[in-house]
Amino acid sequence: MTTLPKIYTGVERAAVLMMLVSEEEAAAILQKLDPEEVRLLGKAMFAVADVSEQEVEHVLDDFVDRARERTGISFDPRPQIEAVMHRALGQDKAASVLSRIVPSEDACQIDLLDWLDAPEIASMIEKEHPQIAAVLIANLDPAVAAQVLELLPDGVQPDILHRIAKLGPVTPEAMETLSVMLADRSGRSQASAGVTMGGTRDAAKILSSGRKATEQRVMPKLFKIDREVARAIEEAMFVFDNLLDLDDKNLGALIRNIDSDTLTRALKGVDESVRERFLGCMSSRAADGIRDEMEERGPMRLSEVLEAQKAIIQIARNLAKDGTIQMGGGDDDYV
């Protein structure tokens, strides 16, 4: 009786193929993968070490079949496009056009960060100057950055967040300092170029990705350090659309604390679905009154709409602080 070949998952099929190529070829492939893909593929390579000849043939046949189904080959179009632009327009004009059409690249220039987890990074920068820590954390994904920030001593968290919010152009020398520090730990060398990073939006993303308790502890201290930056981060953390996350009870309580003129102006500039979400938490009579008022007012300046929305956001924050409404859904998710 013929034994059917084992059915391998996608990553296991890739692992079988990796075991068939030379070490140089396998290394070249691994260099193209991100850290999580390397971990998964490496684990799978151990799992398929005892693959049979019949199973190898099955995997190879499957690979050939899939390769034949491909109708295109992915490649980096930038060199070809740049060459065409330079030939057609000349170097100066081509540079001007390309500066407006070339997709932006990620700001992060420190690839080694992808290979370290949050506790390792926090341990590494705990005794570094806060400015070095700020630049490094700004290079991280917001969720990882939030974990690193929370692992650092409470006393330095507001200062580091403030520095992240104030970051801008970072010199090649500063990037090289970080690269050398990471290379000393990992044994790899890393060349870096100067980049622009940080800002209030990045700081807001980091704080929003962390626990609410961290925000409650850090923000009051940040207001003492720099009220203007703290307010900008606070505004970036919470926009009008976030009010849609409130349940009907809390949204209704919020609406009852907003005068009709402010609500009318705020809803004038939102999508119909957002508008109906608010009006759905009102009585039919009150909702019809708001609709009539919006129709009678006609076109409205965007500045008026944004001003009204900011006013409502502030009302929501005040109501949340005094416990009238709850924003968020889990333990310590309230503000």
Protein backbone atom coordinates (compact mmCIF):
# COMPACT_ATOMS: atom_id res chain seq x y z
CA MET A 1 0.00 0.00 0.00
CA THR A 2 1.43 3.39 -1.04
CA THR A 3 1.78 5.95 1.73
CA LEU A 4 0.46 9.37 0.83
CA PRO A 5 3.00 12.19 1.25
CA LYS A 6 2.59 14.41 4.27
CA ILE A 7 0.70 17.66 3.70
CA TYR A 8 3.01 20.54 4.61
CA THR A 9 2.02 24.07 5.51
CA GLY A 10 3.32 26.98 3.46
CA VAL A 11 6.18 27.75 5.84
CA GLU A 12 7.11 24.05 6.02
CA ARG A 13 7.27 23.84 2.21
CA ALA A 14 9.53 26.88 2.23
CA ALA A 15 11.68 25.20 4.90
CA VAL A 16 12.09 22.08 2.74
CA LEU A 17 13.25 24.22 -0.18
CA MET A 18 15.67 26.08 2.10
CA MET A 19 17.22 22.75 3.13
CA LEU A 20 17.83 21.89 -0.54
CA VAL A 21 19.75 25.02 -1.55
CA SER A 22 23.32 25.90 -0.65
CA GLU A 23 24.24 27.75 2.55
CA GLU A 24 25.06 30.88 0.55
CA GLU A 25 21.73 30.81 -1.25
CA ALA A 26 19.83 30.14 1.97
CA ALA A 27 21.61 33.02 3.70
CA ALA A 28 20.79 35.37 0.82
CA ILE A 29 17.11 34.43 1.15
CA LEU A 30 17.06 34.92 4.91
CA GLN A 31 18.50 38.41 4.51
CA LYS A 32 15.37 39.40 2.56
CA LEU A 33 13.01 38.36 5.37
CA ASP A 34 11.89 40.25 8.44
CA PRO A 35 12.73 38.95 11.94
CA GLU A 36 9.44 37.16 12.56
CA GLU A 37 9.65 35.39 9.19
CA VAL A 38 13.20 34.27 9.99
CA ARG A 39 12.05 32.83 13.33
CA LEU A 40 9.14 30.95 11.77
CA LEU A 41 11.22 29.62 8.90
CA GLY A 42 14.09 28.57 11.16
CA LYS A 43 11.71 26.68 13.44
CA ALA A 44 10.12 24.95 10.45
CA MET A 45 13.54 23.91 9.10
CA PHE A 46 14.13 21.93 12.29
CA ALA A 47 10.64 20.39 12.02
CA VAL A 48 11.17 19.07 8.47
CA ALA A 49 14.71 17.78 8.97
CA ASP A 50 13.54 14.16 8.51
CA VAL A 51 11.59 14.77 5.30
CA SER A 52 11.43 11.75 2.98
CA GLU A 53 12.50 11.68 -0.66
CA GLN A 54 8.88 11.25 -1.75
CA GLU A 55 7.84 14.28 0.30
CA VAL A 56 10.66 16.36 -1.18
CA GLU A 57 9.47 15.51 -4.67
CA HIS A 58 5.92 16.45 -3.70
CA VAL A 59 7.07 19.84 -2.36
CA LEU A 60 9.16 20.49 -5.49
CA ASP A 61 6.25 19.62 -7.77
CA ASP A 62 4.01 21.95 -5.81
CA PHE A 63 6.62 24.72 -6.04
CA VAL A 64 6.93 24.32 -9.82
CA ASP A 65 3.15 24.37 -10.25
CA ARG A 66 2.83 27.54 -8.19
CA ALA A 67 5.69 29.18 -10.07
CA ARG A 68 3.95 28.52 -13.39
CA GLU A 69 0.79 30.21 -12.13
CA ARG A 70 2.59 33.47 -11.43
CA THR A 71 1.90 36.09 -14.09
CA GLY A 72 4.20 38.85 -12.87
CA ILE A 73 7.50 39.44 -11.14
CA SER A 74 7.84 42.00 -8.38
CA PHE A 75 10.74 44.43 -8.69
CA ASP A 76 11.85 47.85 -7.54
CA PRO A 77 10.73 50.23 -10.31
CA ARG A 78 12.62 53.22 -8.94
CA PRO A 79 15.91 52.84 -10.91
CA GLN A 80 14.11 52.42 -14.23
CA ILE A 81 11.74 55.34 -13.60
CA GLU A 82 14.61 57.59 -12.50
CA ALA A 83 16.61 56.67 -15.60
CA VAL A 84 13.68 57.47 -17.91
CA MET A 85 13.02 60.80 -16.16
CA HIS A 86 16.67 61.84 -16.35
CA ARG A 87 16.87 60.96 -20.05
CA ALA A 88 13.64 62.79 -20.90
CA LEU A 89 13.89 65.87 -18.66
CA GLY A 90 17.50 66.29 -17.68
CA GLN A 91 18.93 65.89 -14.20
CA ASP A 92 17.57 69.08 -12.58
CA LYS A 93 13.99 68.82 -13.87
CA ALA A 94 13.89 65.09 -13.22
CA ALA A 95 15.01 65.63 -9.62
CA SER A 96 12.21 68.16 -9.14
CA VAL A 97 9.56 65.81 -10.53
CA LEU A 98 10.84 62.75 -8.68
CA SER A 99 10.86 64.60 -5.36
CA ARG A 100 7.09 64.97 -5.70
CA ILE A 101 6.18 61.50 -6.97
CA VAL A 102 8.59 59.02 -5.37
CA PRO A 103 6.84 57.20 -2.48
CA SER A 104 8.19 58.12 0.93
CA GLU A 105 10.32 55.57 2.75
CA ASP A 106 10.07 54.58 6.39
CA ALA A 107 12.01 56.87 8.68
CA CYS A 108 13.49 54.03 10.69
CA GLN A 109 17.11 53.49 9.69
CA ILE A 110 18.14 51.16 12.53
CA ASP A 111 17.30 47.67 11.32
CA LEU A 112 18.85 46.03 14.37
CA LEU A 113 15.95 47.25 16.49
CA ASP A 114 13.73 44.70 14.75
CA TRP A 115 15.80 41.92 16.30
CA LEU A 116 15.52 43.09 19.91
CA ASP A 117 12.47 42.81 22.15
CA ALA A 118 11.12 45.57 24.38
CA PRO A 119 12.85 44.46 27.64
CA GLU A 120 16.22 44.25 25.87
CA ILE A 121 15.84 47.71 24.39
CA ALA A 122 14.67 49.20 27.69
CA SER A 123 17.60 47.62 29.53
CA MET A 124 20.01 48.93 26.93
CA ILE A 125 18.85 52.57 27.05
CA GLU A 126 17.87 52.87 30.71
CA LYS A 127 21.18 54.58 31.60
CA GLU A 128 21.61 56.42 28.31
CA HIS A 129 21.02 60.14 27.90
CA PRO A 130 17.27 60.83 27.46
CA GLN A 131 17.89 62.32 24.01
CA ILE A 132 19.51 59.08 22.82
CA ALA A 133 16.63 57.10 24.31
CA ALA A 134 14.10 59.39 22.60
CA VAL A 135 15.66 58.97 19.15
CA LEU A 136 15.83 55.21 19.56
CA ILE A 137 12.25 54.87 20.80
CA ALA A 138 11.00 57.08 17.94
CA ASN A 139 12.43 54.47 15.56
CA LEU A 140 10.20 51.74 16.98
CA ASP A 141 6.71 50.65 16.07
CA PRO A 142 4.32 52.58 18.37
CA ALA A 143 3.18 49.42 20.19
CA VAL A 144 6.78 48.34 20.90
CA ALA A 145 7.76 51.91 21.73
CA ALA A 146 4.96 52.06 24.31
CA GLN A 147 6.23 48.85 25.94
CA VAL A 148 9.78 50.21 26.08
CA LEU A 149 8.60 53.53 27.54
CA GLU A 150 6.59 51.75 30.24
CA LEU A 151 9.60 49.62 31.20
CA LEU A 152 11.76 52.68 31.83
CA PRO A 153 11.78 54.40 35.26
CA ASP A 154 8.67 56.51 35.86
CA GLY A 155 10.73 59.62 36.43
CA VAL A 156 12.25 59.70 32.93
CA GLN A 157 9.12 58.83 30.94
CA PRO A 158 7.69 62.39 30.66
CA ASP A 159 11.10 63.81 29.67
CA ILE A 160 11.62 61.18 26.97
CA LEU A 161 8.10 61.64 25.58
CA HIS A 162 8.68 65.40 25.50
CA ARG A 163 11.92 64.90 23.58
CA ILE A 164 10.19 62.58 21.09
CA ALA A 165 7.53 65.22 20.47
CA LYS A 166 10.24 67.83 19.83
CA LEU A 167 12.36 65.66 17.53
CA GLY A 168 12.90 66.68 13.93
CA PRO A 169 15.98 66.30 11.74
CA VAL A 170 18.42 63.88 13.38
CA THR A 171 22.04 64.17 12.34
CA PRO A 172 24.00 61.27 10.86
CA GLU A 173 26.29 61.50 13.91
CA ALA A 174 23.39 60.89 16.29
CA MET A 175 22.16 57.97 14.20
CA GLU A 176 25.69 56.56 14.11
CA THR A 177 25.86 56.75 17.92
CA LEU A 178 22.74 54.61 18.15
CA SER A 179 23.98 52.20 15.50
CA VAL A 180 27.30 51.71 17.26
CA MET A 181 25.54 51.14 20.58
CA LEU A 182 23.32 48.48 19.01
CA ALA A 183 26.20 46.96 17.07
CA ASP A 184 28.21 46.54 20.29
CA ARG A 185 25.33 44.49 21.67
CA SER A 186 24.59 42.44 18.58
CA GLY A 187 27.98 42.09 16.96
CA ARG A 188 26.82 43.62 13.69
CA SER A 189 27.92 46.85 12.05
CA GLN A 190 25.34 49.33 10.87
CA ALA A 191 25.68 52.47 8.77
CA SER A 192 23.03 55.15 9.15
CA ALA A 193 21.98 58.36 7.48
CA GLY A 194 20.37 61.40 9.04
CA VAL A 195 16.57 61.33 9.08
CA THR A 196 13.62 63.35 10.32
CA MET A 197 11.56 61.63 12.99
CA GLY A 198 9.43 62.16 16.04
CA GLY A 199 6.91 64.94 16.53
CA THR A 200 3.73 65.25 18.53
CA ARG A 201 1.89 62.70 16.37
CA ASP A 202 4.54 60.04 16.98
CA ALA A 203 4.57 60.82 20.69
CA ALA A 204 0.76 60.58 20.74
CA LYS A 205 0.82 57.22 18.94
CA ILE A 206 3.31 55.84 21.44
CA LEU A 207 1.29 57.01 24.43
CA SER A 208 -1.99 55.80 22.90
CA SER A 209 -0.47 52.35 22.34
CA GLY A 210 0.41 51.98 26.01
CA ARG A 211 -1.70 51.43 29.08
CA LYS A 212 -4.10 54.13 30.17
CA ALA A 213 -2.37 54.20 33.56
CA THR A 214 0.83 55.29 31.82
CA GLU A 215 -0.97 58.18 30.14
CA GLN A 216 -2.55 59.23 33.43
CA ARG A 217 0.85 59.24 35.13
CA VAL A 218 2.92 60.81 32.34
CA MET A 219 0.66 63.56 30.99
CA PRO A 220 0.36 65.68 34.18
CA LYS A 221 4.16 65.66 34.50
CA LEU A 222 4.54 66.52 30.82
CA PHE A 223 2.25 69.52 31.28
CA LYS A 224 4.67 70.79 33.92
CA ILE A 225 7.62 70.32 31.54
CA ASP A 226 6.03 71.90 28.46
CA ARG A 227 2.33 72.80 28.46
CA GLU A 228 2.26 73.58 24.74
CA VAL A 229 3.76 70.23 23.73
CA ALA A 230 1.58 68.34 26.20
CA ARG A 231 -1.56 69.98 24.81
CA ALA A 232 -0.49 69.19 21.24
CA ILE A 233 0.06 65.52 22.17
CA GLU A 234 -3.29 65.42 23.94
CA GLU A 235 -5.04 66.81 20.86
CA ALA A 236 -3.25 64.35 18.58
CA MET A 237 -4.24 61.44 20.82
CA PHE A 238 -7.93 62.19 20.59
CA VAL A 239 -9.87 63.36 17.55
CA PHE A 240 -13.57 63.89 16.96
CA ASP A 241 -14.08 60.47 15.35
CA ASN A 242 -12.88 58.82 18.58
CA LEU A 243 -16.20 59.84 20.13
CA LEU A 244 -17.80 57.13 18.00
CA ASP A 245 -16.16 54.58 20.31
CA LEU A 246 -18.51 55.68 23.11
CA ASP A 247 -21.49 53.43 23.69
CA ASP A 248 -24.98 54.89 23.26
CA LYS A 249 -25.40 55.65 26.96
CA ASN A 250 -22.17 57.63 27.26
CA LEU A 251 -22.58 59.34 23.89
CA GLY A 252 -26.09 60.37 24.90
CA ALA A 253 -24.78 61.79 28.18
CA LEU A 254 -22.17 63.75 26.25
CA ILE A 255 -24.72 65.15 23.80
CA ARG A 256 -26.89 66.39 26.68
CA ASN A 257 -23.96 68.55 27.79
CA ILE A 258 -23.47 70.17 24.37
CA ASP A 259 -25.50 73.18 23.29
CA SER A 260 -27.38 72.81 20.01
CA ASP A 261 -25.38 75.52 18.22
CA THR A 262 -22.03 73.79 18.91
CA LEU A 263 -23.41 70.38 17.97
CA THR A 264 -24.91 71.73 14.74
CA ARG A 265 -21.60 73.27 13.68
CA ALA A 266 -19.61 70.17 14.61
CA LEU A 267 -21.88 67.76 12.72
CA LYS A 268 -21.97 69.98 9.66
CA GLY A 269 -18.52 68.76 8.59
CA VAL A 270 -18.76 64.99 9.20
CA ASP A 271 -19.84 62.02 7.12
CA GLU A 272 -23.50 61.07 7.10
CA SER A 273 -22.80 57.85 9.03
CA VAL A 274 -21.04 59.81 11.81
CA ARG A 275 -23.83 62.37 11.90
CA GLU A 276 -26.50 59.68 12.23
CA ARG A 277 -24.52 58.00 15.02
CA PHE A 278 -24.83 61.20 17.06
CA LEU A 279 -28.42 61.95 16.09
CA GLY A 280 -29.37 58.35 16.86
CA CYS A 281 -28.59 58.99 20.53
CA MET A 282 -31.05 61.90 20.67
CA SER A 283 -34.80 62.06 20.75
CA SER A 284 -36.46 62.16 17.33
CA ARG A 285 -37.63 65.72 17.94
CA ALA A 286 -34.16 66.96 18.94
CA ALA A 287 -32.50 65.13 16.04
CA ASP A 288 -34.96 66.65 13.54
CA GLY A 289 -34.24 70.07 15.01
CA ILE A 290 -30.48 69.63 14.44
CA ARG A 291 -31.08 68.43 10.86
CA ASP A 292 -33.28 71.45 10.11
CA GLU A 293 -30.72 73.81 11.61
CA MET A 294 -27.88 72.34 9.52
CA GLU A 295 -29.95 72.69 6.36
CA GLU A 296 -30.91 76.29 7.10
CA ARG A 297 -27.32 77.37 7.78
CA GLY A 298 -26.02 76.30 4.38
CA PRO A 299 -22.26 76.19 3.71
CA MET A 300 -20.05 76.75 6.74
CA ARG A 301 -16.37 77.57 7.10
CA LEU A 302 -14.15 74.63 7.96
CA SER A 303 -12.56 76.64 10.77
CA GLU A 304 -15.98 76.98 12.45
CA VAL A 305 -16.60 73.25 12.20
CA LEU A 306 -13.18 72.35 13.63
CA GLU A 307 -13.60 74.85 16.45
CA ALA A 308 -16.92 73.27 17.43
CA GLN A 309 -15.47 69.76 17.26
CA LYS A 310 -12.55 70.74 19.49
CA ALA A 311 -15.02 72.22 21.97
CA ILE A 312 -16.94 68.94 22.08
CA ILE A 313 -13.74 66.93 22.53
CA GLN A 314 -12.86 69.12 25.52
CA ILE A 315 -16.34 68.67 26.99
CA ALA A 316 -15.92 64.90 26.61
CA ARG A 317 -12.57 64.99 28.38
CA ASN A 318 -13.98 67.05 31.25
CA LEU A 319 -16.96 64.74 31.65
CA ALA A 320 -14.67 61.71 31.63
CA LYS A 321 -12.39 63.23 34.27
CA ASP A 322 -15.27 63.88 36.65
CA GLY A 323 -16.75 60.42 36.02
CA THR A 324 -19.92 61.53 34.22
CA ILE A 325 -19.02 59.44 31.18
CA GLN A 326 -16.60 56.59 30.61
CA MET A 327 -14.30 56.54 27.63
CA GLY A 328 -12.59 53.26 26.81
CA GLY A 329 -13.66 49.74 27.49
CA GLY A 330 -11.36 47.80 29.79
CA ASP A 331 -9.63 47.91 33.15
CA ASP A 332 -7.68 51.17 33.46
CA ASP A 333 -8.92 52.21 30.02
CA TYR A 334 -10.65 55.29 31.35
CA VAL A 335 -9.48 58.89 31.19
